[in-house]
Amino acid sequence: MTYTLEDYLVGLHTGQWFGWSDSKNKVYANLVIHSDDAKPTEQECTDGVVELQAEYDSQAYARSRALEYPPAEDYLDGIVKGDQAQVDKYIADCQAVKDKYPKE
């Protein structure tokens, strides 16, 4: 995912407080404020988009892990059945995913 100026602006306030003078070219120069809110500076917008992107990028490991973790039902099934081998396998499988996608 790549964040945009519009993504940043949506997170600043609720409601439809901004728009574009040219909806096909959503750049700062075309930003129009439709409320009493102050228009953020171009630098604030640039920094905000960079911050959003950095936060998203920093969580890549978590998104990758979530796709590969075994289903939690496997763990719960092992607990309910009292099957320690199944519980241990679930834990080992989770650790393997963590090792594959380390937290950076």
PDB file of N, CA and C in Angstrom:
ATOM      1  N   MET A   1       0.845  -1.179   0.000  1.00  0.00           N
ATOM      2  CA  MET A   1       0.000   0.000   0.000  1.00  0.00           C
ATOM      3  C   MET A   1       0.888   1.238   0.000  1.00  0.00           C
ATOM      4  N   THR A   2       0.482   2.209  -0.749  1.00  0.00           N
ATOM      5  CA  THR A   2       1.181   3.484  -0.786  1.00  0.00           C
ATOM      6  C   THR A   2       0.210   4.570  -0.344  1.00  0.00           C
ATOM      7  N   TYR A   3       0.587   5.304   0.690  1.00  0.00           N
ATOM      8  CA  TYR A   3      -0.277   6.366   1.210  1.00  0.00           C
ATOM      9  C   TYR A   3      -0.197   7.612   0.346  1.00  0.00           C
ATOM     10  N   THR A   4      -1.298   8.354   0.342  1.00  0.00           N
ATOM     11  CA  THR A   4      -1.411   9.567  -0.474  1.00  0.00           C
ATOM     12  C   THR A   4      -1.770  10.758   0.408  1.00  0.00           C
ATOM     13  N   LEU A   5      -1.750  11.918  -0.188  1.00  0.00           N
ATOM     14  CA  LEU A   5      -2.167  13.135   0.496  1.00  0.00           C
ATOM     15  C   LEU A   5      -3.604  12.997   1.002  1.00  0.00           C
ATOM     16  N   GLU A   6      -4.450  12.421   0.205  1.00  0.00           N
ATOM     17  CA  GLU A   6      -5.845  12.248   0.597  1.00  0.00           C
ATOM     18  C   GLU A   6      -5.967  11.349   1.833  1.00  0.00           C
ATOM     19  N   ASP A   7      -5.173  10.284   1.897  1.00  0.00           N
ATOM     20  CA  ASP A   7      -5.182   9.404   3.071  1.00  0.00           C
ATOM     21  C   ASP A   7      -4.823  10.193   4.331  1.00  0.00           C
ATOM     22  N   TYR A   8      -3.808  11.022   4.231  1.00  0.00           N
ATOM     23  CA  TYR A   8      -3.396  11.836   5.376  1.00  0.00           C
ATOM     24  C   TYR A   8      -4.514  12.790   5.799  1.00  0.00           C
ATOM     25  N   LEU A   9      -5.115  13.481   4.841  1.00  0.00           N
ATOM     26  CA  LEU A   9      -6.142  14.476   5.150  1.00  0.00           C
ATOM     27  C   LEU A   9      -7.377  13.842   5.783  1.00  0.00           C
ATOM     28  N   VAL A  10      -7.766  12.665   5.312  1.00  0.00           N
ATOM     29  CA  VAL A  10      -8.935  11.974   5.865  1.00  0.00           C
ATOM     30  C   VAL A  10      -8.732  11.718   7.356  1.00  0.00           C
ATOM     31  N   GLY A  11      -7.508  11.434   7.757  1.00  0.00           N
ATOM     32  CA  GLY A  11      -7.226  11.158   9.153  1.00  0.00           C
ATOM     33  C   GLY A  11      -7.159  12.377  10.050  1.00  0.00           C
ATOM     34  N   LEU A  12      -7.124  13.562   9.485  1.00  0.00           N
ATOM     35  CA  LEU A  12      -7.001  14.774  10.303  1.00  0.00           C
ATOM     36  C   LEU A  12      -8.297  15.190  10.984  1.00  0.00           C
ATOM     37  N   HIS A  13      -9.410  15.110  10.267  1.00  0.00           N
ATOM     38  CA  HIS A  13     -10.704  15.564  10.782  1.00  0.00           C
ATOM     39  C   HIS A  13     -11.797  14.627  10.292  1.00  0.00           C
ATOM     40  N   THR A  14     -12.921  14.666  10.967  1.00  0.00           N
ATOM     41  CA  THR A  14     -14.069  13.885  10.512  1.00  0.00           C
ATOM     42  C   THR A  14     -14.898  14.720   9.539  1.00  0.00           C
ATOM     43  N   GLY A  15     -15.671  14.053   8.756  1.00  0.00           N
ATOM     44  CA  GLY A  15     -16.553  14.733   7.816  1.00  0.00           C
ATOM     45  C   GLY A  15     -15.846  15.118   6.530  1.00  0.00           C
ATOM     46  N   GLN A  16     -16.596  15.743   5.672  1.00  0.00           N
ATOM     47  CA  GLN A  16     -16.057  16.154   4.377  1.00  0.00           C
ATOM     48  C   GLN A  16     -15.560  17.589   4.482  1.00  0.00           C
ATOM     49  N   TRP A  17     -14.419  17.752   5.067  1.00  0.00           N
ATOM     50  CA  TRP A  17     -13.885  19.083   5.335  1.00  0.00           C
ATOM     51  C   TRP A  17     -12.961  19.597   4.241  1.00  0.00           C
ATOM     52  N   PHE A  18     -12.642  18.741   3.266  1.00  0.00           N
ATOM     53  CA  PHE A  18     -11.768  19.176   2.179  1.00  0.00           C
ATOM     54  C   PHE A  18     -12.240  18.580   0.862  1.00  0.00           C
ATOM     55  N   GLY A  19     -11.722  19.133  -0.200  1.00  0.00           N
ATOM     56  CA  GLY A  19     -12.005  18.625  -1.532  1.00  0.00           C
ATOM     57  C   GLY A  19     -10.882  19.048  -2.462  1.00  0.00           C
ATOM     58  N   TRP A  20     -11.133  18.912  -3.765  1.00  0.00           N
ATOM     59  CA  TRP A  20     -10.102  19.199  -4.761  1.00  0.00           C
ATOM     60  C   TRP A  20     -10.675  20.100  -5.842  1.00  0.00           C
ATOM     61  N   SER A  21      -9.911  21.082  -6.243  1.00  0.00           N
ATOM     62  CA  SER A  21     -10.349  21.924  -7.355  1.00  0.00           C
ATOM     63  C   SER A  21     -10.256  21.156  -8.676  1.00  0.00           C
ATOM     64  N   ASP A  22      -9.431  20.127  -8.703  1.00  0.00           N
ATOM     65  CA  ASP A  22      -9.326  19.226  -9.861  1.00  0.00           C
ATOM     66  C   ASP A  22      -9.291  17.810  -9.294  1.00  0.00           C
ATOM     67  N   SER A  23     -10.411  17.113  -9.352  1.00  0.00           N
ATOM     68  CA  SER A  23     -10.523  15.802  -8.715  1.00  0.00           C
ATOM     69  C   SER A  23      -9.663  14.727  -9.392  1.00  0.00           C
ATOM     70  N   LYS A  24      -9.160  15.002 -10.566  1.00  0.00           N
ATOM     71  CA  LYS A  24      -8.288  14.046 -11.241  1.00  0.00           C
ATOM     72  C   LYS A  24      -6.822  14.261 -10.881  1.00  0.00           C
ATOM     73  N   ASN A  25      -6.529  15.356 -10.225  1.00  0.00           N
ATOM     74  CA  ASN A  25      -5.155  15.692  -9.874  1.00  0.00           C
ATOM     75  C   ASN A  25      -5.123  16.109  -8.403  1.00  0.00           C
ATOM     76  N   LYS A  26      -5.091  15.109  -7.528  1.00  0.00           N
ATOM     77  CA  LYS A  26      -5.192  15.339  -6.088  1.00  0.00           C
ATOM     78  C   LYS A  26      -3.835  15.648  -5.490  1.00  0.00           C
ATOM     79  N   VAL A  27      -3.406  16.889  -5.739  1.00  0.00           N
ATOM     80  CA  VAL A  27      -2.141  17.385  -5.209  1.00  0.00           C
ATOM     81  C   VAL A  27      -2.430  18.593  -4.323  1.00  0.00           C
ATOM     82  N   TYR A  28      -1.447  18.981  -3.528  1.00  0.00           N
ATOM     83  CA  TYR A  28      -1.635  20.059  -2.563  1.00  0.00           C
ATOM     84  C   TYR A  28      -2.147  21.345  -3.229  1.00  0.00           C
ATOM     85  N   ALA A  29      -1.636  21.661  -4.387  1.00  0.00           N
ATOM     86  CA  ALA A  29      -2.044  22.892  -5.076  1.00  0.00           C
ATOM     87  C   ALA A  29      -3.542  22.908  -5.372  1.00  0.00           C
ATOM     88  N   ASN A  30      -4.153  21.746  -5.475  1.00  0.00           N
ATOM     89  CA  ASN A  30      -5.587  21.655  -5.780  1.00  0.00           C
ATOM     90  C   ASN A  30      -6.450  21.415  -4.538  1.00  0.00           C
ATOM     91  N   LEU A  31      -5.845  21.461  -3.356  1.00  0.00           N
ATOM     92  CA  LEU A  31      -6.574  21.222  -2.113  1.00  0.00           C
ATOM     93  C   LEU A  31      -7.454  22.417  -1.762  1.00  0.00           C
ATOM     94  N   VAL A  32      -8.720  22.140  -1.478  1.00  0.00           N
ATOM     95  CA  VAL A  32      -9.684  23.171  -1.086  1.00  0.00           C
ATOM     96  C   VAL A  32     -10.283  22.764   0.254  1.00  0.00           C
ATOM     97  N   ILE A  33     -10.302  23.690   1.205  1.00  0.00           N
ATOM     98  CA  ILE A  33     -10.861  23.422   2.527  1.00  0.00           C
ATOM     99  C   ILE A  33     -12.306  23.912   2.559  1.00  0.00           C
ATOM    100  N   HIS A  34     -13.233  23.039   2.987  1.00  0.00           N
ATOM    101  CA  HIS A  34     -14.660  23.364   3.024  1.00  0.00           C
ATOM    102  C   HIS A  34     -15.174  23.525   4.448  1.00  0.00           C
ATOM    103  N   SER A  35     -14.319  23.944   5.350  1.00  0.00           N
ATOM    104  CA  SER A  35     -14.735  24.106   6.741  1.00  0.00           C
ATOM    105  C   SER A  35     -13.942  25.250   7.352  1.00  0.00           C
ATOM    106  N   ASP A  36     -14.155  25.445   8.634  1.00  0.00           N
ATOM    107  CA  ASP A  36     -13.410  26.489   9.349  1.00  0.00           C
ATOM    108  C   ASP A  36     -12.021  26.020   9.757  1.00  0.00           C
ATOM    109  N   ASP A  37     -11.710  24.766   9.491  1.00  0.00           N
ATOM    110  CA  ASP A  37     -10.392  24.248   9.837  1.00  0.00           C
ATOM    111  C   ASP A  37      -9.317  24.929   8.997  1.00  0.00           C
ATOM    112  N   ALA A  38      -8.177  25.139   9.627  1.00  0.00           N
ATOM    113  CA  ALA A  38      -7.069  25.753   8.912  1.00  0.00           C
ATOM    114  C   ALA A  38      -6.500  24.752   7.904  1.00  0.00           C
ATOM    115  N   LYS A  39      -6.085  25.269   6.784  1.00  0.00           N
ATOM    116  CA  LYS A  39      -5.464  24.418   5.771  1.00  0.00           C
ATOM    117  C   LYS A  39      -4.066  24.040   6.273  1.00  0.00           C
ATOM    118  N   PRO A  40      -3.777  22.747   6.339  1.00  0.00           N
ATOM    119  CA  PRO A  40      -2.432  22.354   6.763  1.00  0.00           C
ATOM    120  C   PRO A  40      -1.417  22.813   5.714  1.00  0.00           C
ATOM    121  N   THR A  41      -0.205  23.063   6.152  1.00  0.00           N
ATOM    122  CA  THR A  41       0.823  23.470   5.204  1.00  0.00           C
ATOM    123  C   THR A  41       1.211  22.289   4.323  1.00  0.00           C
ATOM    124  N   GLU A  42       1.829  22.610   3.222  1.00  0.00           N
ATOM    125  CA  GLU A  42       2.279  21.537   2.323  1.00  0.00           C
ATOM    126  C   GLU A  42       3.309  20.653   3.025  1.00  0.00           C
ATOM    127  N   GLN A  43       4.174  21.267   3.845  1.00  0.00           N
ATOM    128  CA  GLN A  43       5.183  20.485   4.566  1.00  0.00           C
ATOM    129  C   GLN A  43       4.524  19.558   5.594  1.00  0.00           C
ATOM    130  N   GLU A  44       3.497  20.048   6.289  1.00  0.00           N
ATOM    131  CA  GLU A  44       2.770  19.193   7.234  1.00  0.00           C
ATOM    132  C   GLU A  44       2.163  17.996   6.505  1.00  0.00           C
ATOM    133  N   CYS A  45       1.625  18.237   5.339  1.00  0.00           N
ATOM    134  CA  CYS A  45       1.020  17.161   4.556  1.00  0.00           C
ATOM    135  C   CYS A  45       2.077  16.158   4.093  1.00  0.00           C
ATOM    136  N   THR A  46       3.179  16.666   3.584  1.00  0.00           N
ATOM    137  CA  THR A  46       4.262  15.789   3.137  1.00  0.00           C
ATOM    138  C   THR A  46       4.771  14.944   4.292  1.00  0.00           C
ATOM    139  N   ASP A  47       5.025  15.584   5.438  1.00  0.00           N
ATOM    140  CA  ASP A  47       5.509  14.864   6.615  1.00  0.00           C
ATOM    141  C   ASP A  47       4.487  13.840   7.090  1.00  0.00           C
ATOM    142  N   GLY A  48       3.208  14.200   7.036  1.00  0.00           N
ATOM    143  CA  GLY A  48       2.145  13.292   7.465  1.00  0.00           C
ATOM    144  C   GLY A  48       2.068  12.050   6.602  1.00  0.00           C
ATOM    145  N   VAL A  49       2.196  12.215   5.306  1.00  0.00           N
ATOM    146  CA  VAL A  49       2.163  11.074   4.393  1.00  0.00           C
ATOM    147  C   VAL A  49       3.383  10.182   4.648  1.00  0.00           C
ATOM    148  N   VAL A  50       4.546  10.800   4.836  1.00  0.00           N
ATOM    149  CA  VAL A  50       5.763  10.026   5.114  1.00  0.00           C
ATOM    150  C   VAL A  50       5.602   9.231   6.404  1.00  0.00           C
ATOM    151  N   GLU A  51       5.014   9.843   7.425  1.00  0.00           N
ATOM    152  CA  GLU A  51       4.801   9.162   8.712  1.00  0.00           C
ATOM    153  C   GLU A  51       3.829   7.987   8.571  1.00  0.00           C
ATOM    154  N   LEU A  52       2.729   8.201   7.855  1.00  0.00           N
ATOM    155  CA  LEU A  52       1.774   7.115   7.620  1.00  0.00           C
ATOM    156  C   LEU A  52       2.444   5.945   6.903  1.00  0.00           C
ATOM    157  N   GLN A  53       3.225   6.266   5.877  1.00  0.00           N
ATOM    158  CA  GLN A  53       3.885   5.219   5.103  1.00  0.00           C
ATOM    159  C   GLN A  53       4.899   4.470   5.948  1.00  0.00           C
ATOM    160  N   ALA A  54       5.647   5.194   6.760  1.00  0.00           N
ATOM    161  CA  ALA A  54       6.651   4.560   7.617  1.00  0.00           C
ATOM    162  C   ALA A  54       5.993   3.614   8.619  1.00  0.00           C
ATOM    163  N   GLU A  55       4.881   4.039   9.194  1.00  0.00           N
ATOM    164  CA  GLU A  55       4.160   3.185  10.145  1.00  0.00           C
ATOM    165  C   GLU A  55       3.655   1.924   9.449  1.00  0.00           C
ATOM    166  N   TYR A  56       3.083   2.088   8.279  1.00  0.00           N
ATOM    167  CA  TYR A  56       2.592   0.938   7.519  1.00  0.00           C
ATOM    168  C   TYR A  56       3.742  -0.015   7.181  1.00  0.00           C
ATOM    169  N   ASP A  57       4.823   0.535   6.670  1.00  0.00           N
ATOM    170  CA  ASP A  57       5.968  -0.288   6.277  1.00  0.00           C
ATOM    171  C   ASP A  57       6.568  -1.021   7.467  1.00  0.00           C
ATOM    172  N   SER A  58       6.557  -0.379   8.635  1.00  0.00           N
ATOM    173  CA  SER A  58       7.153  -0.995   9.823  1.00  0.00           C
ATOM    174  C   SER A  58       6.355  -2.209  10.311  1.00  0.00           C
ATOM    175  N   GLN A  59       5.143  -2.368   9.824  1.00  0.00           N
ATOM    176  CA  GLN A  59       4.304  -3.484  10.242  1.00  0.00           C
ATOM    177  C   GLN A  59       4.232  -4.598   9.198  1.00  0.00           C
ATOM    178  N   ALA A  60       5.128  -4.583   8.232  1.00  0.00           N
ATOM    179  CA  ALA A  60       5.119  -5.612   7.180  1.00  0.00           C
ATOM    180  C   ALA A  60       5.275  -7.001   7.781  1.00  0.00           C
ATOM    181  N   TYR A  61       6.145  -7.128   8.780  1.00  0.00           N
ATOM    182  CA  TYR A  61       6.351  -8.438   9.399  1.00  0.00           C
ATOM    183  C   TYR A  61       5.046  -8.964  10.011  1.00  0.00           C
ATOM    184  N   ALA A  62       4.281  -8.093  10.637  1.00  0.00           N
ATOM    185  CA  ALA A  62       3.036  -8.509  11.296  1.00  0.00           C
ATOM    186  C   ALA A  62       2.001  -8.968  10.261  1.00  0.00           C
ATOM    187  N   ARG A  63       1.920  -8.262   9.142  1.00  0.00           N
ATOM    188  CA  ARG A  63       0.983  -8.675   8.095  1.00  0.00           C
ATOM    189  C   ARG A  63       1.393 -10.020   7.502  1.00  0.00           C
ATOM    190  N   SER A  64       2.694 -10.218   7.305  1.00  0.00           N
ATOM    191  CA  SER A  64       3.184 -11.497   6.768  1.00  0.00           C
ATOM    192  C   SER A  64       2.918 -12.631   7.752  1.00  0.00           C
ATOM    193  N   ARG A  65       3.174 -12.375   9.027  1.00  0.00           N
ATOM    194  CA  ARG A  65       2.927 -13.403  10.044  1.00  0.00           C
ATOM    195  C   ARG A  65       1.455 -13.804  10.068  1.00  0.00           C
ATOM    196  N   ALA A  66       0.591 -12.810  10.043  1.00  0.00           N
ATOM    197  CA  ALA A  66      -0.848 -13.089  10.154  1.00  0.00           C
ATOM    198  C   ALA A  66      -1.329 -14.024   9.051  1.00  0.00           C
ATOM    199  N   LEU A  67      -0.719 -13.938   7.882  1.00  0.00           N
ATOM    200  CA  LEU A  67      -1.116 -14.797   6.761  1.00  0.00           C
ATOM    201  C   LEU A  67      -0.665 -16.244   6.946  1.00  0.00           C
ATOM    202  N   GLU A  68       0.358 -16.466   7.759  1.00  0.00           N
ATOM    203  CA  GLU A  68       0.934 -17.802   7.867  1.00  0.00           C
ATOM    204  C   GLU A  68       0.745 -18.486   9.218  1.00  0.00           C
ATOM    205  N   TYR A  69       0.276 -17.746  10.219  1.00  0.00           N
ATOM    206  CA  TYR A  69       0.042 -18.407  11.502  1.00  0.00           C
ATOM    207  C   TYR A  69      -0.989 -19.526  11.348  1.00  0.00           C
ATOM    208  N   PRO A  70      -0.801 -20.612  12.093  1.00  0.00           N
ATOM    209  CA  PRO A  70      -1.830 -21.657  12.070  1.00  0.00           C
ATOM    210  C   PRO A  70      -3.109 -21.131  12.738  1.00  0.00           C
ATOM    211  N   PRO A  71      -4.240 -21.727  12.419  1.00  0.00           N
ATOM    212  CA  PRO A  71      -5.488 -21.248  13.028  1.00  0.00           C
ATOM    213  C   PRO A  71      -5.489 -21.459  14.545  1.00  0.00           C
ATOM    214  N   ALA A  72      -5.978 -20.478  15.276  1.00  0.00           N
ATOM    215  CA  ALA A  72      -6.043 -20.560  16.738  1.00  0.00           C
ATOM    216  C   ALA A  72      -6.890 -21.745  17.196  1.00  0.00           C
ATOM    217  N   GLU A  73      -7.793 -22.187  16.345  1.00  0.00           N
ATOM    218  CA  GLU A  73      -8.628 -23.334  16.691  1.00  0.00           C
ATOM    219  C   GLU A  73      -7.775 -24.575  16.954  1.00  0.00           C
ATOM    220  N   ASP A  74      -6.636 -24.684  16.255  1.00  0.00           N
ATOM    221  CA  ASP A  74      -5.744 -25.832  16.471  1.00  0.00           C
ATOM    222  C   ASP A  74      -5.245 -25.853  17.917  1.00  0.00           C
ATOM    223  N   TYR A  75      -4.905 -24.690  18.434  1.00  0.00           N
ATOM    224  CA  TYR A  75      -4.436 -24.574  19.822  1.00  0.00           C
ATOM    225  C   TYR A  75      -5.566 -24.913  20.794  1.00  0.00           C
ATOM    226  N   LEU A  76      -6.712 -24.292  20.568  1.00  0.00           N
ATOM    227  CA  LEU A  76      -7.849 -24.519  21.458  1.00  0.00           C
ATOM    228  C   LEU A  76      -8.290 -25.979  21.446  1.00  0.00           C
ATOM    229  N   ASP A  77      -8.279 -26.600  20.293  1.00  0.00           N
ATOM    230  CA  ASP A  77      -8.643 -28.005  20.192  1.00  0.00           C
ATOM    231  C   ASP A  77      -7.696 -28.866  21.028  1.00  0.00           C
ATOM    232  N   GLY A  78      -6.404 -28.546  20.961  1.00  0.00           N
ATOM    233  CA  GLY A  78      -5.426 -29.286  21.756  1.00  0.00           C
ATOM    234  C   GLY A  78      -5.645 -29.102  23.244  1.00  0.00           C
ATOM    235  N   ILE A  79      -6.001 -27.886  23.657  1.00  0.00           N
ATOM    236  CA  ILE A  79      -6.280 -27.607  25.074  1.00  0.00           C
ATOM    237  C   ILE A  79      -7.496 -28.404  25.538  1.00  0.00           C
ATOM    238  N   VAL A  80      -8.575 -28.322  24.759  1.00  0.00           N
ATOM    239  CA  VAL A  80      -9.817 -29.001  25.134  1.00  0.00           C
ATOM    240  C   VAL A  80      -9.615 -30.512  25.217  1.00  0.00           C
ATOM    241  N   LYS A  81      -8.862 -31.062  24.285  1.00  0.00           N
ATOM    242  CA  LYS A  81      -8.620 -32.507  24.276  1.00  0.00           C
ATOM    243  C   LYS A  81      -7.525 -32.924  25.252  1.00  0.00           C
ATOM    244  N   GLY A  82      -6.834 -31.955  25.804  1.00  0.00           N
ATOM    245  CA  GLY A  82      -5.721 -32.291  26.689  1.00  0.00           C
ATOM    246  C   GLY A  82      -4.554 -32.904  25.932  1.00  0.00           C
ATOM    247  N   ASP A  83      -4.420 -32.546  24.677  1.00  0.00           N
ATOM    248  CA  ASP A  83      -3.371 -33.092  23.810  1.00  0.00           C
ATOM    249  C   ASP A  83      -2.174 -32.144  23.812  1.00  0.00           C
ATOM    250  N   GLN A  84      -1.236 -32.393  24.705  1.00  0.00           N
ATOM    251  CA  GLN A  84      -0.079 -31.512  24.843  1.00  0.00           C
ATOM    252  C   GLN A  84       0.780 -31.513  23.585  1.00  0.00           C
ATOM    253  N   ALA A  85       0.843 -32.625  22.881  1.00  0.00           N
ATOM    254  CA  ALA A  85       1.620 -32.688  21.642  1.00  0.00           C
ATOM    255  C   ALA A  85       1.043 -31.718  20.601  1.00  0.00           C
ATOM    256  N   GLN A  86      -0.284 -31.648  20.526  1.00  0.00           N
ATOM    257  CA  GLN A  86      -0.931 -30.727  19.587  1.00  0.00           C
ATOM    258  C   GLN A  86      -0.668 -29.283  19.989  1.00  0.00           C
ATOM    259  N   VAL A  87      -0.733 -28.994  21.280  1.00  0.00           N
ATOM    260  CA  VAL A  87      -0.454 -27.644  21.779  1.00  0.00           C
ATOM    261  C   VAL A  87       0.995 -27.278  21.472  1.00  0.00           C
ATOM    262  N   ASP A  88       1.914 -28.191  21.743  1.00  0.00           N
ATOM    263  CA  ASP A  88       3.331 -27.939  21.486  1.00  0.00           C
ATOM    264  C   ASP A  88       3.595 -27.717  19.996  1.00  0.00           C
ATOM    265  N   LYS A  89       2.911 -28.487  19.136  1.00  0.00           N
ATOM    266  CA  LYS A  89       3.065 -28.309  17.690  1.00  0.00           C
ATOM    267  C   LYS A  89       2.581 -26.928  17.275  1.00  0.00           C
ATOM    268  N   TYR A  90       1.448 -26.510  17.833  1.00  0.00           N
ATOM    269  CA  TYR A  90       0.915 -25.180  17.505  1.00  0.00           C
ATOM    270  C   TYR A  90       1.927 -24.093  17.893  1.00  0.00           C
ATOM    271  N   ILE A  91       2.474 -24.203  19.083  1.00  0.00           N
ATOM    272  CA  ILE A  91       3.448 -23.224  19.556  1.00  0.00           C
ATOM    273  C   ILE A  91       4.685 -23.235  18.659  1.00  0.00           C
ATOM    274  N   ALA A  92       5.156 -24.421  18.305  1.00  0.00           N
ATOM    275  CA  ALA A  92       6.330 -24.527  17.430  1.00  0.00           C
ATOM    276  C   ALA A  92       6.045 -23.940  16.047  1.00  0.00           C
ATOM    277  N   ASP A  93       4.854 -24.190  15.519  1.00  0.00           N
ATOM    278  CA  ASP A  93       4.483 -23.633  14.209  1.00  0.00           C
ATOM    279  C   ASP A  93       4.433 -22.107  14.257  1.00  0.00           C
ATOM    280  N   CYS A  94       3.906 -21.564  15.348  1.00  0.00           N
ATOM    281  CA  CYS A  94       3.868 -20.107  15.510  1.00  0.00           C
ATOM    282  C   CYS A  94       5.285 -19.543  15.598  1.00  0.00           C
ATOM    283  N   GLN A  95       6.142 -20.209  16.345  1.00  0.00           N
ATOM    284  CA  GLN A  95       7.518 -19.735  16.488  1.00  0.00           C
ATOM    285  C   GLN A  95       8.255 -19.779  15.156  1.00  0.00           C
ATOM    286  N   ALA A  96       7.968 -20.779  14.351  1.00  0.00           N
ATOM    287  CA  ALA A  96       8.591 -20.869  13.022  1.00  0.00           C
ATOM    288  C   ALA A  96       8.200 -19.672  12.153  1.00  0.00           C
ATOM    289  N   VAL A  97       6.941 -19.266  12.255  1.00  0.00           N
ATOM    290  CA  VAL A  97       6.480 -18.091  11.499  1.00  0.00           C
ATOM    291  C   VAL A  97       7.184 -16.844  12.030  1.00  0.00           C
ATOM    292  N   LYS A  98       7.289 -16.704  13.344  1.00  0.00           N
ATOM    293  CA  LYS A  98       7.982 -15.564  13.933  1.00  0.00           C
ATOM    294  C   LYS A  98       9.439 -15.518  13.482  1.00  0.00           C
ATOM    295  N   ASP A  99      10.074 -16.676  13.423  1.00  0.00           N
ATOM    296  CA  ASP A  99      11.464 -16.739  12.976  1.00  0.00           C
ATOM    297  C   ASP A  99      11.607 -16.373  11.507  1.00  0.00           C
ATOM    298  N   LYS A 100      10.617 -16.769  10.717  1.00  0.00           N
ATOM    299  CA  LYS A 100      10.636 -16.471   9.280  1.00  0.00           C
ATOM    300  C   LYS A 100      10.469 -14.981   9.013  1.00  0.00           C
ATOM    301  N   TYR A 101       9.630 -14.324   9.823  1.00  0.00           N
ATOM    302  CA  TYR A 101       9.351 -12.890   9.671  1.00  0.00           C
ATOM    303  C   TYR A 101       9.697 -12.175  10.981  1.00  0.00           C
ATOM    304  N   PRO A 102      10.979 -11.931  11.238  1.00  0.00           N
ATOM    305  CA  PRO A 102      11.357 -11.297  12.495  1.00  0.00           C
ATOM    306  C   PRO A 102      10.870  -9.851  12.585  1.00  0.00           C
ATOM    307  N   LYS A 103      10.611  -9.444  13.805  1.00  0.00           N
ATOM    308  CA  LYS A 103      10.231  -8.063  14.067  1.00  0.00           C
ATOM    309  C   LYS A 103      11.458  -7.195  13.853  1.00  0.00           C
ATOM    310  N   GLU A 104      11.330  -6.211  12.997  1.00  0.00           N
ATOM    311  CA  GLU A 104      12.506  -5.391  12.651  1.00  0.00           C
ATOM    312  C   GLU A 104      12.599  -4.143  13.476  1.00  0.00           C
TER     313      GLU A 104
END
